[in-house]
Amino acid sequence: MNLNPDNSQNEDLDDEFEQFVDEMLKEQEPNSLVSEDQMREKLRSEVRDMLKFEKETEAVSHSMAILTTTGVELHGKNRVDEIMAELRQVGDKLVESADEIAKTPENTAELVGITEPTLIDILKVALDAYRHEQWESAESVYRFLTILNPANAEMWMCLGSTLQNQRKFEEARQNYVRASELDKVDPHYPLYIAECYLLEGDLQLSEQWEQVGRQRVNEGEVEEGVIEMFNDFSEARVLAAT
């Protein structure tokens, strides 16, 4: 566990984000019915959505490139050719099936024509990149998997982990929160959120999320190792406060 927070990268990104919002705000027509703060918040939401779409598009493109290299090493060229054949129509089908996907996100892969064996083989590529600490590649493939399988909490957790390992703590938290919303029983997800807050230096929110995780521990049956994880984390948090 790395307990030496370095938020300079996140602060630079936050400044860039706000500068972009400022520029967009200047281009807006004055509206007496909407305050500047309300307009700014609306623009922030629009920018976040735009950036999310750009990241997803980049993830799909990067994942395709990874599949044609690492994928061939893991599965062989014939199998990768089969996977690519399934994936070629994903973009169009995501748009065509948007209404159905919104109603049943757990069926996204099926709705866009991706079979379970293909999902498993793409996951193996993500795991291989993760094990070799190729964080950006792992991030791209896991992000792609969250598009294809958005109801799977573990995919969001894995994406969060790749981001945390790149010290992108805020974005990592967002993905852990998504995992925690999808799986309201597993105590690991709140603990990972707490760890990100600790790495960012927010001891209060770190403790709050730790307590959410401990409540899940108390309400369910967990292995002794999970309790030890929480105890180790508590010691680290107390140490960080001194």
C-alpha atoms as a PDB file:
ATOM      1  CA  MET A   1       0.000   0.000   0.000  1.00  0.00           C
ATOM      2  CA  ASN A   2       1.481   3.314  -1.116  1.00  0.00           C
ATOM      3  CA  LEU A   3       0.774   5.996   1.463  1.00  0.00           C
ATOM      4  CA  ASN A   4       2.710   8.881  -0.047  1.00  0.00           C
ATOM      5  CA  PRO A   5       0.041  10.873  -1.881  1.00  0.00           C
ATOM      6  CA  ASP A   6       1.169  12.882  -4.880  1.00  0.00           C
ATOM      7  CA  ASN A   7      -1.781  14.855  -6.192  1.00  0.00           C
ATOM      8  CA  SER A   8       0.127  17.161  -8.555  1.00  0.00           C
ATOM      9  CA  GLN A   9      -1.048  15.250 -11.637  1.00  0.00           C
ATOM     10  CA  ASN A  10      -4.684  15.295 -10.491  1.00  0.00           C
ATOM     11  CA  GLU A  11      -4.468  19.004  -9.632  1.00  0.00           C
ATOM     12  CA  ASP A  12      -3.106  19.796 -13.102  1.00  0.00           C
ATOM     13  CA  LEU A  13      -5.960  17.849 -14.701  1.00  0.00           C
ATOM     14  CA  ASP A  14      -8.528  19.611 -12.479  1.00  0.00           C
ATOM     15  CA  ASP A  15      -7.114  23.008 -13.496  1.00  0.00           C
ATOM     16  CA  GLU A  16      -7.267  22.029 -17.178  1.00  0.00           C
ATOM     17  CA  PHE A  17     -10.848  20.861 -16.760  1.00  0.00           C
ATOM     18  CA  GLU A  18     -11.941  24.118 -15.097  1.00  0.00           C
ATOM     19  CA  GLN A  19     -10.145  26.217 -17.710  1.00  0.00           C
ATOM     20  CA  PHE A  20     -12.024  24.375 -20.433  1.00  0.00           C
ATOM     21  CA  VAL A  21     -15.314  24.959 -18.616  1.00  0.00           C
ATOM     22  CA  ASP A  22     -14.415  28.667 -18.251  1.00  0.00           C
ATOM     23  CA  GLU A  23     -13.845  28.945 -21.998  1.00  0.00           C
ATOM     24  CA  MET A  24     -17.191  27.298 -22.744  1.00  0.00           C
ATOM     25  CA  LEU A  25     -18.911  29.565 -20.206  1.00  0.00           C
ATOM     26  CA  LYS A  26     -17.643  32.649 -22.035  1.00  0.00           C
ATOM     27  CA  GLU A  27     -19.315  31.425 -25.226  1.00  0.00           C
ATOM     28  CA  GLN A  28     -22.743  31.012 -23.612  1.00  0.00           C
ATOM     29  CA  GLU A  29     -25.512  33.527 -24.213  1.00  0.00           C
ATOM     30  CA  PRO A  30     -26.585  35.363 -21.012  1.00  0.00           C
ATOM     31  CA  ASN A  31     -29.724  33.875 -19.455  1.00  0.00           C
ATOM     32  CA  SER A  32     -31.573  35.699 -16.705  1.00  0.00           C
ATOM     33  CA  LEU A  33     -33.315  32.479 -15.638  1.00  0.00           C
ATOM     34  CA  VAL A  34     -30.104  30.550 -15.010  1.00  0.00           C
ATOM     35  CA  SER A  35     -27.386  31.683 -12.621  1.00  0.00           C
ATOM     36  CA  GLU A  36     -23.718  31.508 -13.569  1.00  0.00           C
ATOM     37  CA  ASP A  37     -23.168  28.747 -10.984  1.00  0.00           C
ATOM     38  CA  GLN A  38     -26.013  26.694 -12.454  1.00  0.00           C
ATOM     39  CA  MET A  39     -24.672  27.181 -15.965  1.00  0.00           C
ATOM     40  CA  ARG A  40     -21.169  26.235 -14.845  1.00  0.00           C
ATOM     41  CA  GLU A  41     -22.424  23.017 -13.243  1.00  0.00           C
ATOM     42  CA  LYS A  42     -24.372  22.145 -16.406  1.00  0.00           C
ATOM     43  CA  LEU A  43     -21.272  22.700 -18.520  1.00  0.00           C
ATOM     44  CA  ARG A  44     -19.172  20.608 -16.122  1.00  0.00           C
ATOM     45  CA  SER A  45     -21.612  17.728 -16.594  1.00  0.00           C
ATOM     46  CA  GLU A  46     -21.507  18.101 -20.389  1.00  0.00           C
ATOM     47  CA  VAL A  47     -17.702  18.177 -20.413  1.00  0.00           C
ATOM     48  CA  ARG A  48     -17.528  15.078 -18.195  1.00  0.00           C
ATOM     49  CA  ASP A  49     -19.874  13.226 -20.569  1.00  0.00           C
ATOM     50  CA  MET A  50     -17.812  14.325 -23.561  1.00  0.00           C
ATOM     51  CA  LEU A  51     -14.552  13.219 -21.935  1.00  0.00           C
ATOM     52  CA  LYS A  52     -16.119   9.899 -20.942  1.00  0.00           C
ATOM     53  CA  PHE A  53     -17.195   9.290 -24.546  1.00  0.00           C
ATOM     54  CA  GLU A  54     -13.705  10.182 -25.804  1.00  0.00           C
ATOM     55  CA  LYS A  55     -12.102   7.794 -23.303  1.00  0.00           C
ATOM     56  CA  GLU A  56     -14.444   4.991 -24.282  1.00  0.00           C
ATOM     57  CA  THR A  57     -13.733   5.568 -27.976  1.00  0.00           C
ATOM     58  CA  GLU A  58      -9.988   5.552 -27.321  1.00  0.00           C
ATOM     59  CA  ALA A  59     -10.360   2.413 -25.197  1.00  0.00           C
ATOM     60  CA  VAL A  60     -12.107   0.547 -28.013  1.00  0.00           C
ATOM     61  CA  SER A  61      -9.455   1.599 -30.526  1.00  0.00           C
ATOM     62  CA  HIS A  62      -6.571   0.778 -28.181  1.00  0.00           C
ATOM     63  CA  SER A  63      -8.138  -2.571 -27.243  1.00  0.00           C
ATOM     64  CA  MET A  64      -8.330  -3.568 -30.894  1.00  0.00           C
ATOM     65  CA  ALA A  65      -4.612  -2.832 -31.286  1.00  0.00           C
ATOM     66  CA  ILE A  66      -3.772  -4.822 -28.155  1.00  0.00           C
ATOM     67  CA  LEU A  67      -5.846  -7.773 -29.344  1.00  0.00           C
ATOM     68  CA  THR A  68      -3.906  -7.899 -32.613  1.00  0.00           C
ATOM     69  CA  THR A  69      -0.612  -8.115 -30.694  1.00  0.00           C
ATOM     70  CA  THR A  70      -0.951  -9.574 -27.204  1.00  0.00           C
ATOM     71  CA  GLY A  71      -4.162 -11.330 -28.222  1.00  0.00           C
ATOM     72  CA  VAL A  72      -2.348 -13.259 -30.949  1.00  0.00           C
ATOM     73  CA  GLU A  73       0.346 -14.322 -28.486  1.00  0.00           C
ATOM     74  CA  LEU A  74      -2.278 -15.600 -26.030  1.00  0.00           C
ATOM     75  CA  HIS A  75      -4.930 -17.056 -28.333  1.00  0.00           C
ATOM     76  CA  GLY A  76      -3.377 -17.472 -31.774  1.00  0.00           C
ATOM     77  CA  LYS A  77      -4.156 -15.579 -34.980  1.00  0.00           C
ATOM     78  CA  ASN A  78      -7.191 -17.647 -35.981  1.00  0.00           C
ATOM     79  CA  ARG A  79      -8.947 -17.042 -32.667  1.00  0.00           C
ATOM     80  CA  VAL A  80      -8.136 -13.321 -32.738  1.00  0.00           C
ATOM     81  CA  ASP A  81      -9.544 -13.099 -36.277  1.00  0.00           C
ATOM     82  CA  GLU A  82     -12.784 -14.617 -34.924  1.00  0.00           C
ATOM     83  CA  ILE A  83     -12.844 -12.126 -32.024  1.00  0.00           C
ATOM     84  CA  MET A  84     -12.241  -9.187 -34.360  1.00  0.00           C
ATOM     85  CA  ALA A  85     -15.082 -10.346 -36.599  1.00  0.00           C
ATOM     86  CA  GLU A  86     -17.444 -10.144 -33.622  1.00  0.00           C
ATOM     87  CA  LEU A  87     -16.130  -6.746 -32.548  1.00  0.00           C
ATOM     88  CA  ARG A  88     -16.298  -4.944 -35.900  1.00  0.00           C
ATOM     89  CA  GLN A  89     -19.986  -4.119 -35.585  1.00  0.00           C
ATOM     90  CA  VAL A  90     -19.978  -3.226 -31.881  1.00  0.00           C
ATOM     91  CA  GLY A  91     -20.009   0.560 -32.353  1.00  0.00           C
ATOM     92  CA  ASP A  92     -23.046   0.581 -34.648  1.00  0.00           C
ATOM     93  CA  LYS A  93     -24.898  -1.972 -32.557  1.00  0.00           C
ATOM     94  CA  LEU A  94     -24.303   0.011 -29.357  1.00  0.00           C
ATOM     95  CA  VAL A  95     -26.075   2.953 -30.981  1.00  0.00           C
ATOM     96  CA  GLU A  96     -28.835   0.837 -32.534  1.00  0.00           C
ATOM     97  CA  SER A  97     -29.531  -0.990 -29.257  1.00  0.00           C
ATOM     98  CA  ALA A  98     -29.166   2.035 -26.942  1.00  0.00           C
ATOM     99  CA  ASP A  99     -32.776   1.899 -25.684  1.00  0.00           C
ATOM    100  CA  GLU A 100     -32.663  -1.831 -24.934  1.00  0.00           C
ATOM    101  CA  ILE A 101     -29.228  -1.503 -23.312  1.00  0.00           C
ATOM    102  CA  ALA A 102     -30.547   1.255 -21.049  1.00  0.00           C
ATOM    103  CA  LYS A 103     -33.314  -1.090 -19.873  1.00  0.00           C
ATOM    104  CA  THR A 104     -31.141  -4.200 -19.459  1.00  0.00           C
ATOM    105  CA  PRO A 105     -27.457  -3.178 -19.247  1.00  0.00           C
ATOM    106  CA  GLU A 106     -26.566  -6.660 -18.018  1.00  0.00           C
ATOM    107  CA  ASN A 107     -27.406  -7.916 -21.531  1.00  0.00           C
ATOM    108  CA  THR A 108     -25.191  -5.433 -23.397  1.00  0.00           C
ATOM    109  CA  ALA A 109     -22.721  -7.991 -24.769  1.00  0.00           C
ATOM    110  CA  GLU A 110     -25.529 -10.215 -26.016  1.00  0.00           C
ATOM    111  CA  LEU A 111     -27.395  -7.276 -27.582  1.00  0.00           C
ATOM    112  CA  VAL A 112     -24.348  -6.189 -29.575  1.00  0.00           C
ATOM    113  CA  GLY A 113     -23.502  -9.753 -30.599  1.00  0.00           C
ATOM    114  CA  ILE A 114     -20.547 -10.562 -28.338  1.00  0.00           C
ATOM    115  CA  THR A 115     -20.419 -14.161 -27.121  1.00  0.00           C
ATOM    116  CA  GLU A 116     -19.307 -15.261 -23.667  1.00  0.00           C
ATOM    117  CA  PRO A 117     -16.167 -17.070 -24.966  1.00  0.00           C
ATOM    118  CA  THR A 118     -15.082 -13.819 -26.634  1.00  0.00           C
ATOM    119  CA  LEU A 119     -15.646 -11.848 -23.424  1.00  0.00           C
ATOM    120  CA  ILE A 120     -13.542 -14.397 -21.546  1.00  0.00           C
ATOM    121  CA  ASP A 121     -10.722 -14.224 -24.099  1.00  0.00           C
ATOM    122  CA  ILE A 122     -10.711 -10.395 -24.011  1.00  0.00           C
ATOM    123  CA  LEU A 123     -10.586 -10.605 -20.210  1.00  0.00           C
ATOM    124  CA  LYS A 124      -7.518 -12.844 -20.453  1.00  0.00           C
ATOM    125  CA  VAL A 125      -5.799 -10.118 -22.483  1.00  0.00           C
ATOM    126  CA  ALA A 126      -6.672  -7.555 -19.797  1.00  0.00           C
ATOM    127  CA  LEU A 127      -5.354  -9.845 -17.054  1.00  0.00           C
ATOM    128  CA  ASP A 128      -2.124 -10.406 -18.962  1.00  0.00           C
ATOM    129  CA  ALA A 129      -1.534  -6.645 -19.299  1.00  0.00           C
ATOM    130  CA  TYR A 130      -2.345  -6.173 -15.604  1.00  0.00           C
ATOM    131  CA  ARG A 131       0.030  -8.913 -14.462  1.00  0.00           C
ATOM    132  CA  HIS A 132       2.813  -7.345 -16.508  1.00  0.00           C
ATOM    133  CA  GLU A 133       2.002  -3.926 -14.984  1.00  0.00           C
ATOM    134  CA  GLN A 134       1.142  -2.489 -18.371  1.00  0.00           C
ATOM    135  CA  TRP A 135      -1.344  -0.187 -16.717  1.00  0.00           C
ATOM    136  CA  GLU A 136      -2.440   1.891 -19.707  1.00  0.00           C
ATOM    137  CA  SER A 137      -3.092  -1.198 -21.817  1.00  0.00           C
ATOM    138  CA  ALA A 138      -4.933  -2.892 -18.967  1.00  0.00           C
ATOM    139  CA  GLU A 139      -6.966   0.285 -18.433  1.00  0.00           C
ATOM    140  CA  SER A 140      -8.038   0.365 -22.089  1.00  0.00           C
ATOM    141  CA  VAL A 141      -9.110  -3.260 -22.214  1.00  0.00           C
ATOM    142  CA  TYR A 142     -10.933  -3.150 -18.867  1.00  0.00           C
ATOM    143  CA  ARG A 143     -12.679   0.077 -19.923  1.00  0.00           C
ATOM    144  CA  PHE A 144     -13.765  -1.740 -23.089  1.00  0.00           C
ATOM    145  CA  LEU A 145     -15.042  -4.614 -20.947  1.00  0.00           C
ATOM    146  CA  THR A 146     -17.116  -2.225 -18.821  1.00  0.00           C
ATOM    147  CA  ILE A 147     -18.769  -1.047 -22.042  1.00  0.00           C
ATOM    148  CA  LEU A 148     -19.583  -4.630 -23.044  1.00  0.00           C
ATOM    149  CA  ASN A 149     -20.459  -5.805 -19.526  1.00  0.00           C
ATOM    150  CA  PRO A 150     -21.544  -2.697 -17.540  1.00  0.00           C
ATOM    151  CA  ALA A 151     -23.418  -4.657 -14.877  1.00  0.00           C
ATOM    152  CA  ASN A 152     -20.315  -6.597 -13.784  1.00  0.00           C
ATOM    153  CA  ALA A 153     -18.934  -5.012 -10.601  1.00  0.00           C
ATOM    154  CA  GLU A 154     -15.600  -6.809 -10.892  1.00  0.00           C
ATOM    155  CA  MET A 155     -14.880  -5.172 -14.267  1.00  0.00           C
ATOM    156  CA  TRP A 156     -15.357  -1.700 -12.745  1.00  0.00           C
ATOM    157  CA  MET A 157     -13.145  -2.694  -9.802  1.00  0.00           C
ATOM    158  CA  CYS A 158     -10.384  -3.890 -12.132  1.00  0.00           C
ATOM    159  CA  LEU A 159     -10.609  -0.679 -14.154  1.00  0.00           C
ATOM    160  CA  GLY A 160     -10.360   1.279 -10.904  1.00  0.00           C
ATOM    161  CA  SER A 161      -7.278  -0.682  -9.906  1.00  0.00           C
ATOM    162  CA  THR A 162      -5.481   0.085 -13.180  1.00  0.00           C
ATOM    163  CA  LEU A 163      -6.215   3.790 -12.625  1.00  0.00           C
ATOM    164  CA  GLN A 164      -5.096   3.687  -8.994  1.00  0.00           C
ATOM    165  CA  ASN A 165      -1.817   2.127 -10.072  1.00  0.00           C
ATOM    166  CA  GLN A 166      -1.361   5.145 -12.353  1.00  0.00           C
ATOM    167  CA  ARG A 167      -2.108   7.435  -9.376  1.00  0.00           C
ATOM    168  CA  LYS A 168      -5.324   8.642 -10.987  1.00  0.00           C
ATOM    169  CA  PHE A 169      -7.043   8.462  -7.637  1.00  0.00           C
ATOM    170  CA  GLU A 170     -10.194  10.455  -8.335  1.00  0.00           C
ATOM    171  CA  GLU A 171     -11.068   8.473 -11.449  1.00  0.00           C
ATOM    172  CA  ALA A 172     -10.182   5.236  -9.669  1.00  0.00           C
ATOM    173  CA  ARG A 173     -12.626   6.157  -6.895  1.00  0.00           C
ATOM    174  CA  GLN A 174     -15.405   6.753  -9.401  1.00  0.00           C
ATOM    175  CA  ASN A 175     -15.004   3.244 -10.760  1.00  0.00           C
ATOM    176  CA  TYR A 176     -14.822   1.685  -7.294  1.00  0.00           C
ATOM    177  CA  VAL A 177     -18.013   3.547  -6.389  1.00  0.00           C
ATOM    178  CA  ARG A 178     -19.676   2.090  -9.479  1.00  0.00           C
ATOM    179  CA  ALA A 179     -18.561  -1.387  -8.423  1.00  0.00           C
ATOM    180  CA  SER A 180     -19.858  -0.764  -4.909  1.00  0.00           C
ATOM    181  CA  GLU A 181     -23.245   0.335  -6.257  1.00  0.00           C
ATOM    182  CA  LEU A 182     -23.534  -2.806  -8.364  1.00  0.00           C
ATOM    183  CA  ASP A 183     -22.409  -5.115  -5.558  1.00  0.00           C
ATOM    184  CA  LYS A 184     -23.735  -3.873  -2.226  1.00  0.00           C
ATOM    185  CA  VAL A 185     -22.303  -6.839  -0.284  1.00  0.00           C
ATOM    186  CA  ASP A 186     -18.587  -7.132  -1.102  1.00  0.00           C
ATOM    187  CA  PRO A 187     -16.582  -5.138   1.491  1.00  0.00           C
ATOM    188  CA  HIS A 188     -13.516  -4.745  -0.747  1.00  0.00           C
ATOM    189  CA  TYR A 189     -14.986  -1.983  -2.890  1.00  0.00           C
ATOM    190  CA  PRO A 190     -15.590   0.511  -0.053  1.00  0.00           C
ATOM    191  CA  LEU A 191     -12.116  -0.297   1.270  1.00  0.00           C
ATOM    192  CA  TYR A 192     -10.551   0.547  -2.098  1.00  0.00           C
ATOM    193  CA  ILE A 193     -12.464   3.843  -2.122  1.00  0.00           C
ATOM    194  CA  ALA A 194     -11.171   4.536   1.389  1.00  0.00           C
ATOM    195  CA  GLU A 195      -7.630   3.781   0.234  1.00  0.00           C
ATOM    196  CA  CYS A 196      -7.901   6.277  -2.627  1.00  0.00           C
ATOM    197  CA  TYR A 197      -9.139   8.977  -0.261  1.00  0.00           C
ATOM    198  CA  LEU A 198      -6.245   8.210   2.068  1.00  0.00           C
ATOM    199  CA  LEU A 199      -3.776   8.486  -0.802  1.00  0.00           C
ATOM    200  CA  GLU A 200      -5.351  11.839  -1.656  1.00  0.00           C
ATOM    201  CA  GLY A 201      -4.926  12.963   1.945  1.00  0.00           C
ATOM    202  CA  ASP A 202      -8.640  13.085   2.870  1.00  0.00           C
ATOM    203  CA  LEU A 203      -8.614  11.248   6.202  1.00  0.00           C
ATOM    204  CA  GLN A 204     -12.245  12.015   7.045  1.00  0.00           C
ATOM    205  CA  LEU A 205     -13.761  10.498   3.899  1.00  0.00           C
ATOM    206  CA  SER A 206     -11.240   7.688   4.087  1.00  0.00           C
ATOM    207  CA  GLU A 207     -12.518   6.747   7.542  1.00  0.00           C
ATOM    208  CA  GLN A 208     -16.156   7.057   6.446  1.00  0.00           C
ATOM    209  CA  TRP A 209     -15.698   4.644   3.555  1.00  0.00           C
ATOM    210  CA  GLU A 210     -13.717   2.285   5.761  1.00  0.00           C
ATOM    211  CA  GLN A 211     -16.736   2.158   8.068  1.00  0.00           C
ATOM    212  CA  VAL A 212     -19.017   1.363   5.122  1.00  0.00           C
ATOM    213  CA  GLY A 213     -16.752  -1.575   4.336  1.00  0.00           C
ATOM    214  CA  ARG A 214     -16.633  -2.708   7.970  1.00  0.00           C
ATOM    215  CA  GLN A 215     -20.416  -2.675   8.093  1.00  0.00           C
ATOM    216  CA  ARG A 216     -20.457  -5.040   5.140  1.00  0.00           C
ATOM    217  CA  VAL A 217     -17.925  -7.239   6.910  1.00  0.00           C
ATOM    218  CA  ASN A 218     -20.163  -7.369   9.996  1.00  0.00           C
ATOM    219  CA  GLU A 219     -23.280  -8.140   7.957  1.00  0.00           C
ATOM    220  CA  GLY A 220     -21.787 -10.995   5.940  1.00  0.00           C
ATOM    221  CA  GLU A 221     -19.456 -13.938   6.140  1.00  0.00           C
ATOM    222  CA  VAL A 222     -15.901 -13.038   5.172  1.00  0.00           C
ATOM    223  CA  GLU A 223     -12.545 -14.741   5.367  1.00  0.00           C
ATOM    224  CA  GLU A 224     -10.104 -13.825   8.117  1.00  0.00           C
ATOM    225  CA  GLY A 225      -7.813 -12.285   5.537  1.00  0.00           C
ATOM    226  CA  VAL A 226     -10.428  -9.610   4.731  1.00  0.00           C
ATOM    227  CA  ILE A 227     -10.618  -8.573   8.390  1.00  0.00           C
ATOM    228  CA  GLU A 228      -6.827  -8.369   8.458  1.00  0.00           C
ATOM    229  CA  MET A 229      -6.926  -6.086   5.407  1.00  0.00           C
ATOM    230  CA  PHE A 230      -9.241  -3.701   7.236  1.00  0.00           C
ATOM    231  CA  ASN A 231      -7.105  -3.786  10.373  1.00  0.00           C
ATOM    232  CA  ASP A 232      -3.946  -3.060   8.361  1.00  0.00           C
ATOM    233  CA  PHE A 233      -5.725  -0.202   6.656  1.00  0.00           C
ATOM    234  CA  SER A 234      -6.881   1.269   9.980  1.00  0.00           C
ATOM    235  CA  GLU A 235      -3.296   1.238  11.239  1.00  0.00           C
ATOM    236  CA  ALA A 236      -2.110   2.973   8.054  1.00  0.00           C
ATOM    237  CA  ARG A 237      -4.835   5.616   8.337  1.00  0.00           C
ATOM    238  CA  VAL A 238      -4.015   6.335  11.973  1.00  0.00           C
ATOM    239  CA  LEU A 239      -0.333   6.531  11.092  1.00  0.00           C
ATOM    240  CA  ALA A 240      -1.075   8.980   8.267  1.00  0.00           C
ATOM    241  CA  ALA A 241      -2.964  11.208  10.737  1.00  0.00           C
ATOM    242  CA  THR A 242       0.013  11.559  13.101  1.00  0.00           C
END
